[in-house]
C-alpha atoms as a PDB file:
ATOM      1  CA  MET A   1     142.002  71.027 110.498  1.00  0.00           C
ATOM      2  CA  SER A   2     140.850  68.246 108.193  1.00  0.00           C
ATOM      3  CA  LEU A   3     137.313  68.978 106.617  1.00  0.00           C
ATOM      4  CA  ALA A   4     134.906  66.800 108.461  1.00  0.00           C
ATOM      5  CA  LEU A   5     136.009  68.993 111.469  1.00  0.00           C
ATOM      6  CA  GLY A   6     135.875  71.765 109.534  1.00  0.00           C
ATOM      7  CA  LEU A   7     132.342  70.718 108.735  1.00  0.00           C
ATOM      8  CA  TYR A   8     131.481  69.585 112.325  1.00  0.00           C
ATOM      9  CA  LEU A   9     132.416  73.112 113.367  1.00  0.00           C
ATOM     10  CA  ALA A  10     130.316  74.423 110.596  1.00  0.00           C
ATOM     11  CA  ILE A  11     127.408  72.527 111.836  1.00  0.00           C
ATOM     12  CA  PHE A  12     127.626  73.923 115.213  1.00  0.00           C
ATOM     13  CA  ALA A  13     128.164  77.756 114.012  1.00  0.00           C
ATOM     14  CA  ALA A  14     125.236  77.687 111.894  1.00  0.00           C
ATOM     15  CA  MET A  15     122.880  75.751 114.615  1.00  0.00           C
ATOM     16  CA  LEU A  16     124.083  78.232 117.251  1.00  0.00           C
ATOM     17  CA  GLY A  17     123.882  81.454 115.031  1.00  0.00           C
ATOM     18  CA  GLY A  18     120.415  80.789 113.706  1.00  0.00           C
ATOM     19  CA  LEU A  19     119.048  80.312 117.287  1.00  0.00           C
ATOM     20  CA  ILE A  20     120.391  83.574 118.815  1.00  0.00           C
ATOM     21  CA  VAL A  21     119.749  85.838 115.674  1.00  0.00           C
ATOM     22  CA  ARG A  22     117.154  87.716 116.058  1.00  0.00           C
ATOM     23  CA  SER A  23     115.905  87.520 112.208  1.00  0.00           C
ATOM     24  CA  ARG A  24     113.702  84.972 111.230  1.00  0.00           C
ATOM     25  CA  PRO A  25     115.036  84.581 107.450  1.00  0.00           C
ATOM     26  CA  LEU A  26     118.231  84.859 108.731  1.00  0.00           C
ATOM     27  CA  SER A  27     117.766  81.979 110.895  1.00  0.00           C
ATOM     28  CA  ASN A  28     115.916  79.774 108.439  1.00  0.00           C
ATOM     29  CA  ALA A  29     119.137  80.292 106.062  1.00  0.00           C
ATOM     30  CA  LEU A  30     121.408  79.362 109.063  1.00  0.00           C
ATOM     31  CA  LEU A  31     119.543  76.604 110.110  1.00  0.00           C
ATOM     32  CA  GLY A  32     119.790  75.714 106.496  1.00  0.00           C
ATOM     33  CA  VAL A  33     123.292  76.162 106.035  1.00  0.00           C
ATOM     34  CA  ALA A  34     123.217  73.644 108.892  1.00  0.00           C
ATOM     35  CA  GLY A  35     121.171  71.133 107.382  1.00  0.00           C
ATOM     36  CA  LEU A  36     123.232  71.393 104.217  1.00  0.00           C
ATOM     37  CA  ALA A  37     126.330  70.616 106.307  1.00  0.00           C
ATOM     38  CA  GLY A  38     125.368  68.170 108.454  1.00  0.00           C
ATOM     39  CA  LEU A  39     124.072  65.825 105.482  1.00  0.00           C
ATOM     40  CA  VAL A  40     127.362  66.024 103.842  1.00  0.00           C
ATOM     41  CA  TYR A  41     128.789  65.180 106.833  1.00  0.00           C
ATOM     42  CA  GLY A  42     126.749  62.387 107.715  1.00  0.00           C
ATOM     43  CA  LEU A  43     126.803  60.891 104.464  1.00  0.00           C
ATOM     44  CA  TRP A  44     130.934  61.015 104.309  1.00  0.00           C
ATOM     45  CA  VAL A  45     131.763  60.083 107.858  1.00  0.00           C
ATOM     46  CA  HIS A  46     128.918  58.312 109.123  1.00  0.00           C
ATOM     47  CA  GLY A  47     126.637  56.704 106.140  1.00  0.00           C
ATOM     48  CA  LEU A  48     123.700  56.594 104.731  1.00  0.00           C
ATOM     49  CA  PHE A  49     121.426  56.360 108.104  1.00  0.00           C
ATOM     50  CA  ALA A  50     123.465  59.512 110.008  1.00  0.00           C
ATOM     51  CA  ALA A  51     122.160  61.926 107.080  1.00  0.00           C
ATOM     52  CA  ILE A  52     118.371  61.670 107.900  1.00  0.00           C
ATOM     53  CA  LEU A  53     118.423  63.903 111.054  1.00  0.00           C
ATOM     54  CA  PRO A  54     120.535  67.057 108.732  1.00  0.00           C
ATOM     55  CA  PHE A  55     117.999  66.559 105.967  1.00  0.00           C
ATOM     56  CA  LEU A  56     115.222  66.382 107.995  1.00  0.00           C
ATOM     57  CA  ILE A  57     116.821  70.402 109.044  1.00  0.00           C
ATOM     58  CA  LEU A  58     117.078  71.154 105.841  1.00  0.00           C
ATOM     59  CA  ILE A  59     113.410  70.624 104.796  1.00  0.00           C
ATOM     60  CA  VAL A  60     112.315  72.193 107.499  1.00  0.00           C
ATOM     61  CA  ALA A  61     114.329  75.079 107.044  1.00  0.00           C
ATOM     62  CA  PHE A  62     113.766  75.497 103.326  1.00  0.00           C
ATOM     63  CA  VAL A  63     110.040  75.061 103.715  1.00  0.00           C
ATOM     64  CA  GLN A  64     109.809  77.907 106.584  1.00  0.00           C
ATOM     65  CA  ALA A  65     112.064  79.816 103.739  1.00  0.00           C
ATOM     66  CA  ALA A  66     109.294  79.437 101.234  1.00  0.00           C
ATOM     67  CA  SER A  67     106.473  80.430 104.016  1.00  0.00           C
ATOM     68  CA  PHE A  68     107.872  83.816 104.276  1.00  0.00           C
ATOM     69  CA  ILE A  69     108.898  84.641 100.855  1.00  0.00           C
ATOM     70  CA  GLY A  70     105.279  83.537  99.845  1.00  0.00           C
ATOM     71  CA  ALA A  71     103.311  85.508 102.789  1.00  0.00           C
ATOM     72  CA  ASP A  72     105.724  88.794 101.264  1.00  0.00           C
ATOM     73  CA  ARG A  73     104.471  87.841  97.573  1.00  0.00           C
ATOM     74  CA  SER A  74     101.158  87.258  98.575  1.00  0.00           C
ATOM     75  CA  ALA A  75     100.645  90.526 101.242  1.00  0.00           C
ATOM     76  CA  THR A  76      98.791  93.604  99.510  1.00  0.00           C
ATOM     77  CA  PHE A  77      97.995  97.374 100.573  1.00  0.00           C
ATOM     78  CA  THR A  78      95.480  99.929  99.899  1.00  0.00           C
ATOM     79  CA  GLU A  79      96.465 103.255  98.893  1.00  0.00           C
ATOM     80  CA  ASP A  80      97.182 104.471 102.348  1.00  0.00           C
ATOM     81  CA  GLU A  81      98.591 101.450 103.841  1.00  0.00           C
ATOM     82  CA  GLN A  82     100.828 101.317 101.327  1.00  0.00           C
ATOM     83  CA  ALA A  83     101.858 104.943 102.156  1.00  0.00           C
ATOM     84  CA  MET A  84     101.639 103.435 106.047  1.00  0.00           C
ATOM     85  CA  PHE A  85     104.657 100.414 104.455  1.00  0.00           C
ATOM     86  CA  ASP A  86     106.640 103.539 102.645  1.00  0.00           C
ATOM     87  CA  GLY A  87     107.346 105.524 105.706  1.00  0.00           C
ATOM     88  CA  PRO A  88     106.984 104.210 109.084  1.00  0.00           C
ATOM     89  CA  LEU A  89     106.725 100.508 108.561  1.00  0.00           C
ATOM     90  CA  LYS A  90     109.476 100.370 105.933  1.00  0.00           C
ATOM     91  CA  GLY A  91     111.973  98.558 108.248  1.00  0.00           C
ATOM     92  CA  LEU A  92     109.432  96.030 108.295  1.00  0.00           C
ATOM     93  CA  ARG A  93     109.157  92.921 105.446  1.00  0.00           C
ATOM     94  CA  ARG A  94     105.929  93.242 103.877  1.00  0.00           C
ATOM     95  CA  SER A  95     103.811  90.033 105.528  1.00  0.00           C
ATOM     96  CA  GLN A  96     105.115  92.040 109.108  1.00  0.00           C
ATOM     97  CA  ALA A  97     103.366  95.119 108.172  1.00  0.00           C
ATOM     98  CA  ARG A  98     100.336  93.582 106.731  1.00  0.00           C
ATOM     99  CA  ARG A  99     100.238  91.624 110.200  1.00  0.00           C
ATOM    100  CA  LEU A 100     100.667  94.916 112.175  1.00  0.00           C
ATOM    101  CA  ILE A 101      98.220  97.043 109.755  1.00  0.00           C
ATOM    102  CA  ASP A 102      95.462  94.501 111.113  1.00  0.00           C
ATOM    103  CA  GLN A 103      96.523  94.925 113.987  1.00  0.00           C
ATOM    104  CA  GLY A 104      94.458  98.294 114.515  1.00  0.00           C
ATOM    105  CA  ASN A 105      91.192 100.126 111.913  1.00  0.00           C
ATOM    106  CA  TRP A 106      90.987 102.787 109.733  1.00  0.00           C
ATOM    107  CA  LEU A 107      89.146 105.531 110.887  1.00  0.00           C
ATOM    108  CA  GLU A 108      87.505 108.755 110.286  1.00  0.00           C
ATOM    109  CA  GLY A 109      87.893 111.894 112.743  1.00  0.00           C
ATOM    110  CA  ARG A 110      86.594 115.713 112.863  1.00  0.00           C
ATOM    111  CA  GLU A 111      88.191 118.476 113.760  1.00  0.00           C
ATOM    112  CA  GLY A 112      88.543 119.126 117.313  1.00  0.00           C
ATOM    113  CA  ASP A 113      89.266 115.630 118.305  1.00  0.00           C
ATOM    114  CA  VAL A 114      91.218 114.935 120.650  1.00  0.00           C
ATOM    115  CA  LEU A 115      93.635 112.060 120.008  1.00  0.00           C
ATOM    116  CA  ILE A 116      96.102 112.195 122.919  1.00  0.00           C
ATOM    117  CA  ARG A 117      95.967 114.323 125.897  1.00  0.00           C
ATOM    118  CA  GLU A 118      99.238 115.759 127.678  1.00  0.00           C
ATOM    119  CA  GLY A 119      99.659 114.200 131.218  1.00  0.00           C
ATOM    120  CA  THR A 120      98.155 110.904 130.617  1.00  0.00           C
ATOM    121  CA  LEU A 121      99.321 107.347 129.324  1.00  0.00           C
ATOM    122  CA  PRO A 122      98.902 106.966 125.412  1.00  0.00           C
ATOM    123  CA  THR A 123      96.574 103.781 124.720  1.00  0.00           C
ATOM    124  CA  HIS A 124      96.663 104.098 120.867  1.00  0.00           C
ATOM    125  CA  LEU A 125      99.431 104.249 118.255  1.00  0.00           C
ATOM    126  CA  TYR A 126      98.128 106.159 115.181  1.00  0.00           C
ATOM    127  CA  PHE A 127      98.948 106.860 111.645  1.00  0.00           C
ATOM    128  CA  LEU A 128      97.453 110.029 109.852  1.00  0.00           C
ATOM    129  CA  ALA A 129      96.691 109.102 106.198  1.00  0.00           C
ATOM    130  CA  ASP A 130      94.934 112.418 105.930  1.00  0.00           C
ATOM    131  CA  GLY A 131      94.860 115.647 107.463  1.00  0.00           C
ATOM    132  CA  CYS A 132      96.636 117.150 110.156  1.00  0.00           C
ATOM    133  CA  CYS A 133      97.246 117.191 114.121  1.00  0.00           C
ATOM    134  CA  ASP A 134      97.853 120.213 116.466  1.00  0.00           C
ATOM    135  CA  VAL A 135      99.870 119.681 118.977  1.00  0.00           C
ATOM    136  CA  HIS A 136      99.931 121.679 122.240  1.00  0.00           C
ATOM    137  CA  SER A 137     102.069 121.342 125.308  1.00  0.00           C
ATOM    138  CA  GLN A 138     101.295 123.901 128.592  1.00  0.00           C
ATOM    139  CA  GLY A 139      98.620 125.685 126.401  1.00  0.00           C
ATOM    140  CA  HIS A 140     101.251 126.343 123.849  1.00  0.00           C
ATOM    141  CA  LEU A 141     101.070 125.124 119.891  1.00  0.00           C
ATOM    142  CA  VAL A 142     104.566 123.359 119.738  1.00  0.00           C
ATOM    143  CA  GLY A 143     103.702 121.631 116.382  1.00  0.00           C
ATOM    144  CA  ARG A 144     102.025 120.515 113.830  1.00  0.00           C
ATOM    145  CA  VAL A 145     101.582 116.719 112.710  1.00  0.00           C
ATOM    146  CA  ARG A 146     101.155 115.845 108.727  1.00  0.00           C
ATOM    147  CA  ALA A 147     100.278 112.884 107.130  1.00  0.00           C
ATOM    148  CA  GLY A 148     102.251 110.449 106.636  1.00  0.00           C
ATOM    149  CA  GLN A 149     103.421 110.610 110.580  1.00  0.00           C
ATOM    150  CA  LEU A 150     102.928 108.147 113.317  1.00  0.00           C
ATOM    151  CA  ILE A 151     101.399 109.721 116.651  1.00  0.00           C
ATOM    152  CA  GLY A 152     101.810 108.201 119.782  1.00  0.00           C
ATOM    153  CA  GLU A 153     105.467 106.051 119.638  1.00  0.00           C
ATOM    154  CA  ALA A 154     105.518 105.973 123.411  1.00  0.00           C
ATOM    155  CA  THR A 155     102.552 103.822 123.389  1.00  0.00           C
ATOM    156  CA  VAL A 156     105.242 100.613 121.557  1.00  0.00           C
ATOM    157  CA  LEU A 157     108.782 102.296 123.209  1.00  0.00           C
ATOM    158  CA  GLY A 158     107.431 102.403 126.988  1.00  0.00           C
ATOM    159  CA  GLU A 159     105.058 103.486 129.256  1.00  0.00           C
ATOM    160  CA  VAL A 160     105.114 107.148 129.679  1.00  0.00           C
ATOM    161  CA  ALA A 161     103.022 109.991 130.279  1.00  0.00           C
ATOM    162  CA  ALA A 162     102.495 111.844 126.985  1.00  0.00           C
ATOM    163  CA  ILE A 163     104.121 115.849 126.947  1.00  0.00           C
ATOM    164  CA  ALA A 164     101.426 117.158 124.766  1.00  0.00           C
ATOM    165  CA  THR A 165      98.036 117.030 123.397  1.00  0.00           C
ATOM    166  CA  VAL A 166      97.037 116.172 120.202  1.00  0.00           C
ATOM    167  CA  THR A 167      93.912 117.722 118.571  1.00  0.00           C
ATOM    168  CA  LEU A 168      92.571 117.230 114.963  1.00  0.00           C
ATOM    169  CA  ALA A 169      93.042 120.326 113.433  1.00  0.00           C
ATOM    170  CA  GLU A 170      91.023 118.995 110.090  1.00  0.00           C
ATOM    171  CA  ARG A 171      88.812 116.410 109.166  1.00  0.00           C
ATOM    172  CA  SER A 172      91.176 113.751 108.860  1.00  0.00           C
ATOM    173  CA  ARG A 173      91.601 109.876 108.005  1.00  0.00           C
ATOM    174  CA  PHE A 174      93.873 107.822 110.688  1.00  0.00           C
ATOM    175  CA  TRP A 175      94.812 104.581 111.318  1.00  0.00           C
ATOM    176  CA  CYS A 176      94.572 103.586 115.197  1.00  0.00           C
ATOM    177  CA  ALA A 177      95.488 100.767 117.384  1.00  0.00           C
ATOM    178  CA  GLN A 178      95.108  99.666 120.629  1.00  0.00           C
ATOM    179  CA  ALA A 179      98.691  99.734 122.167  1.00  0.00           C
ATOM    180  CA  ASP A 180      97.967  96.166 124.140  1.00  0.00           C
ATOM    181  CA  GLU A 181      97.609  94.797 120.689  1.00  0.00           C
ATOM    182  CA  ILE A 182     100.539  96.431 119.185  1.00  0.00           C
ATOM    183  CA  ASN A 183     102.546  95.431 121.575  1.00  0.00           C
ATOM    184  CA  ALA A 184     101.518  91.774 122.100  1.00  0.00           C
ATOM    185  CA  PHE A 185     102.399  91.326 118.003  1.00  0.00           C
ATOM    186  CA  LEU A 186     105.569  93.312 118.706  1.00  0.00           C
ATOM    187  CA  ASN A 187     106.906  90.561 121.529  1.00  0.00           C
ATOM    188  CA  ALA A 188     105.870  87.687 119.141  1.00  0.00           C
ATOM    189  CA  ASN A 189     107.519  89.064 116.765  1.00  0.00           C
ATOM    190  CA  PRO A 190     110.955  90.247 118.073  1.00  0.00           C
ATOM    191  CA  ASP A 191     112.470  91.032 114.689  1.00  0.00           C
ATOM    192  CA  ALA A 192     109.741  93.206 113.881  1.00  0.00           C
ATOM    193  CA  ARG A 193     109.891  94.669 117.340  1.00  0.00           C
ATOM    194  CA  HIS A 194     113.869  95.645 116.742  1.00  0.00           C
ATOM    195  CA  ALA A 195     113.122  97.018 113.143  1.00  0.00           C
ATOM    196  CA  LEU A 196     109.975  99.318 114.068  1.00  0.00           C
ATOM    197  CA  GLN A 197     111.505 100.582 117.528  1.00  0.00           C
ATOM    198  CA  ARG A 198     114.431 102.229 115.789  1.00  0.00           C
ATOM    199  CA  THR A 199     112.034 103.931 113.000  1.00  0.00           C
ATOM    200  CA  LEU A 200     109.580 105.536 116.247  1.00  0.00           C
ATOM    201  CA  THR A 201     112.914 106.234 118.284  1.00  0.00           C
ATOM    202  CA  GLU A 202     113.816 108.492 115.450  1.00  0.00           C
ATOM    203  CA  SER A 203     110.647 109.619 114.647  1.00  0.00           C
ATOM    204  CA  LEU A 204     110.284 110.524 118.468  1.00  0.00           C
ATOM    205  CA  ARG A 205     113.602 112.372 118.280  1.00  0.00           C
ATOM    206  CA  LYS A 206     112.613 114.820 115.763  1.00  0.00           C
ATOM    207  CA  LYS A 207     109.415 116.006 116.886  1.00  0.00           C
ATOM    208  CA  LEU A 208     111.144 116.608 120.475  1.00  0.00           C
ATOM    209  CA  ASP A 209     113.623 118.628 118.953  1.00  0.00           C
ATOM    210  CA  ALA A 210     110.763 120.381 116.968  1.00  0.00           C
ATOM    211  CA  MET A 211     108.954 120.969 120.418  1.00  0.00           C
ATOM    212  CA  ASN A 212     111.875 122.147 122.640  1.00  0.00           C
ATOM    213  CA  ARG A 213     112.899 124.986 119.994  1.00  0.00           C
ATOM    214  CA  ALA A 214     108.668 125.729 119.374  1.00  0.00           C
ATOM    215  CA  VAL A 215     108.960 126.175 122.931  1.00  0.00           C
ATOM    216  CA  ALA A 216     112.179 128.032 123.478  1.00  0.00           C
ATOM    217  CA  GLN A 217     110.504 130.395 120.924  1.00  0.00           C
ATOM    218  CA  THR A 218     107.372 131.243 123.491  1.00  0.00           C
ATOM    219  CA  ASN A 219     109.761 131.999 126.145  1.00  0.00           C
END
């Protein structure tokens, strides 16, 4: 296989990969490789004029990559937001986490406030920054949510009725976002959805395991 054919195949493979991968940074990197390979191929095989389009592709990939790097570096967090980023949002880039956190608000709750009611569709996603919550299922205390945990993961994983009631056990501070806004953001950022879903699935699995053990002990 000639070098020219190898470059041509590299351009095609990089362009195809850049279009189908979920990660935007990786997509930009592959488009940059395609642009660079196309630049070399165009100059070598067809001359300067043929290198214009690959050069433009390379410029676009570079600008997009620079914007992602700049957005990550400029993203800042409060102490509570940093705990959220280091915890359930650790799979996201800093800029993605910043935009997702901006979809919600920080609130103060009192003992007895109900965040999620058993048998209803959860409408909000919560992150408990300070305080704790009691989890009741069929009238039994089956668990406790402590600071640093998410509440209402099903709002992102799918429309499933809550299997437990979650109530603040003391004065607490938490982040709260509407499910519609979170899902709209994740639909527009599929790489962020993919990363967050893994965290939410694992979090929900652990809670279900703990609840099942607690229910078994009450029977």
